[in-house]
Amino acid sequence: MITERFTAHPLTRPFLGTGVLGGYTTFSTSTIDTQRLLDHGRPRTGLLYAAATLLAAFAAIWATATLTRLAVLPRARAEREQP
């Protein structure tokens, strides 16, 4: 949203997205759970769990980005069109 709505330093997006928000959305717990499943002889379940976690995370990112653009871009267009 920052890069689409405002002019910002090129490193703002990676700093906020990866640096700050990355600390709140780590995959460490899912990694430990996957490792435990593998260690206990359940490789299929472990790999399915790992794949489902990644797919769900990417789907959530896509949905959030899409919804944010839908909310922000119409407002930005309206502001540009005003005299």
C-alpha atoms as a PDB file:
ATOM      1  CA  MET A   1       0.000   0.000   0.000  1.00  0.00           C
ATOM      2  CA  ILE A   2       2.835   2.368   0.800  1.00  0.00           C
ATOM      3  CA  THR A   3       4.482   1.968  -2.587  1.00  0.00           C
ATOM      4  CA  GLU A   4       1.207   2.255  -4.502  1.00  0.00           C
ATOM      5  CA  ARG A   5      -0.263   5.162  -2.565  1.00  0.00           C
ATOM      6  CA  PHE A   6       2.763   7.278  -1.648  1.00  0.00           C
ATOM      7  CA  THR A   7       6.221   8.029  -2.909  1.00  0.00           C
ATOM      8  CA  ALA A   8       8.574   6.256  -0.554  1.00  0.00           C
ATOM      9  CA  HIS A   9      12.212   5.239  -0.405  1.00  0.00           C
ATOM     10  CA  PRO A  10      12.787   2.033  -2.436  1.00  0.00           C
ATOM     11  CA  LEU A  11      13.827   0.133   0.700  1.00  0.00           C
ATOM     12  CA  THR A  12      10.670   1.024   2.656  1.00  0.00           C
ATOM     13  CA  ARG A  13       8.654  -1.886   1.331  1.00  0.00           C
ATOM     14  CA  PRO A  14      11.291  -4.586   2.006  1.00  0.00           C
ATOM     15  CA  PHE A  15      11.982  -3.105   5.449  1.00  0.00           C
ATOM     16  CA  LEU A  16       8.344  -3.180   6.502  1.00  0.00           C
ATOM     17  CA  GLY A  17       7.295  -6.320   4.654  1.00  0.00           C
ATOM     18  CA  THR A  18      10.261  -8.515   5.391  1.00  0.00           C
ATOM     19  CA  GLY A  19      11.896  -6.901   8.376  1.00  0.00           C
ATOM     20  CA  VAL A  20       9.114  -5.729  10.638  1.00  0.00           C
ATOM     21  CA  LEU A  21       6.196  -7.913   9.555  1.00  0.00           C
ATOM     22  CA  GLY A  22       8.420 -10.921   8.968  1.00  0.00           C
ATOM     23  CA  GLY A  23       9.049 -11.092  12.697  1.00  0.00           C
ATOM     24  CA  TYR A  24       5.351 -11.623  13.310  1.00  0.00           C
ATOM     25  CA  THR A  25       4.794 -14.186  10.583  1.00  0.00           C
ATOM     26  CA  THR A  26       7.589 -16.681  11.014  1.00  0.00           C
ATOM     27  CA  PHE A  27       7.305 -20.215   9.821  1.00  0.00           C
ATOM     28  CA  SER A  28       9.336 -21.580  12.709  1.00  0.00           C
ATOM     29  CA  THR A  29       6.393 -23.311  14.381  1.00  0.00           C
ATOM     30  CA  SER A  30       5.302 -25.044  11.206  1.00  0.00           C
ATOM     31  CA  THR A  31       8.888 -26.103  10.577  1.00  0.00           C
ATOM     32  CA  ILE A  32       9.098 -27.701  14.021  1.00  0.00           C
ATOM     33  CA  ASP A  33       5.751 -29.436  13.522  1.00  0.00           C
ATOM     34  CA  THR A  34       6.874 -30.750  10.139  1.00  0.00           C
ATOM     35  CA  GLN A  35      10.137 -32.002  11.616  1.00  0.00           C
ATOM     36  CA  ARG A  36       8.271 -33.786  14.420  1.00  0.00           C
ATOM     37  CA  LEU A  37       6.016 -35.523  11.916  1.00  0.00           C
ATOM     38  CA  LEU A  38       9.036 -36.625   9.897  1.00  0.00           C
ATOM     39  CA  ASP A  39      10.859 -37.811  13.025  1.00  0.00           C
ATOM     40  CA  HIS A  40       7.855 -39.884  14.074  1.00  0.00           C
ATOM     41  CA  GLY A  41       7.657 -41.776  10.800  1.00  0.00           C
ATOM     42  CA  ARG A  42       4.903 -39.761   9.123  1.00  0.00           C
ATOM     43  CA  PRO A  43       6.671 -38.334   6.061  1.00  0.00           C
ATOM     44  CA  ARG A  44       3.552 -38.040   3.890  1.00  0.00           C
ATOM     45  CA  THR A  45       1.662 -36.104   6.546  1.00  0.00           C
ATOM     46  CA  GLY A  46       4.713 -33.933   7.236  1.00  0.00           C
ATOM     47  CA  LEU A  47       5.245 -33.023   3.603  1.00  0.00           C
ATOM     48  CA  LEU A  48       1.529 -32.420   3.063  1.00  0.00           C
ATOM     49  CA  TYR A  49       1.482 -30.178   6.136  1.00  0.00           C
ATOM     50  CA  ALA A  50       4.501 -28.198   4.878  1.00  0.00           C
ATOM     51  CA  ALA A  51       3.002 -27.779   1.398  1.00  0.00           C
ATOM     52  CA  ALA A  52      -0.412 -26.778   2.752  1.00  0.00           C
ATOM     53  CA  THR A  53       1.195 -24.205   5.047  1.00  0.00           C
ATOM     54  CA  LEU A  54       3.053 -22.589   2.156  1.00  0.00           C
ATOM     55  CA  LEU A  55       0.015 -22.624  -0.128  1.00  0.00           C
ATOM     56  CA  ALA A  56      -2.177 -21.089   2.574  1.00  0.00           C
ATOM     57  CA  ALA A  57       0.424 -18.402   3.265  1.00  0.00           C
ATOM     58  CA  PHE A  58       0.707 -17.460  -0.412  1.00  0.00           C
ATOM     59  CA  ALA A  59      -3.079 -17.432  -0.771  1.00  0.00           C
ATOM     60  CA  ALA A  60      -3.378 -15.128   2.238  1.00  0.00           C
ATOM     61  CA  ILE A  61      -0.742 -12.774   0.824  1.00  0.00           C
ATOM     62  CA  TRP A  62      -2.469 -12.672  -2.561  1.00  0.00           C
ATOM     63  CA  ALA A  63      -5.900 -12.057  -1.005  1.00  0.00           C
ATOM     64  CA  THR A  64      -4.611  -9.297   1.260  1.00  0.00           C
ATOM     65  CA  ALA A  65      -2.775  -7.542  -1.572  1.00  0.00           C
ATOM     66  CA  THR A  66      -5.835  -7.770  -3.820  1.00  0.00           C
ATOM     67  CA  LEU A  67      -8.215  -6.444  -1.161  1.00  0.00           C
ATOM     68  CA  THR A  68      -5.840  -3.629  -0.252  1.00  0.00           C
ATOM     69  CA  ARG A  69      -5.557  -2.550  -3.885  1.00  0.00           C
ATOM     70  CA  LEU A  70      -9.337  -2.611  -4.256  1.00  0.00           C
ATOM     71  CA  ALA A  71      -9.695  -0.418  -1.189  1.00  0.00           C
ATOM     72  CA  VAL A  72      -6.914   2.057  -1.984  1.00  0.00           C
ATOM     73  CA  LEU A  73      -6.776   2.488  -5.743  1.00  0.00           C
ATOM     74  CA  PRO A  74     -10.327   3.817  -6.300  1.00  0.00           C
ATOM     75  CA  ARG A  75      -9.698   6.503  -3.697  1.00  0.00           C
ATOM     76  CA  ALA A  76      -6.377   7.430  -5.288  1.00  0.00           C
ATOM     77  CA  ARG A  77      -8.000   7.707  -8.735  1.00  0.00           C
ATOM     78  CA  ALA A  78     -10.760   9.910  -7.366  1.00  0.00           C
ATOM     79  CA  GLU A  79      -8.217  12.232  -5.753  1.00  0.00           C
ATOM     80  CA  ARG A  80      -6.272  12.574  -9.026  1.00  0.00           C
ATOM     81  CA  GLU A  81      -9.408  13.379 -11.004  1.00  0.00           C
ATOM     82  CA  GLN A  82     -10.476  16.212  -8.712  1.00  0.00           C
ATOM     83  CA  PRO A  83      -9.473  19.687  -9.960  1.00  0.00           C
END
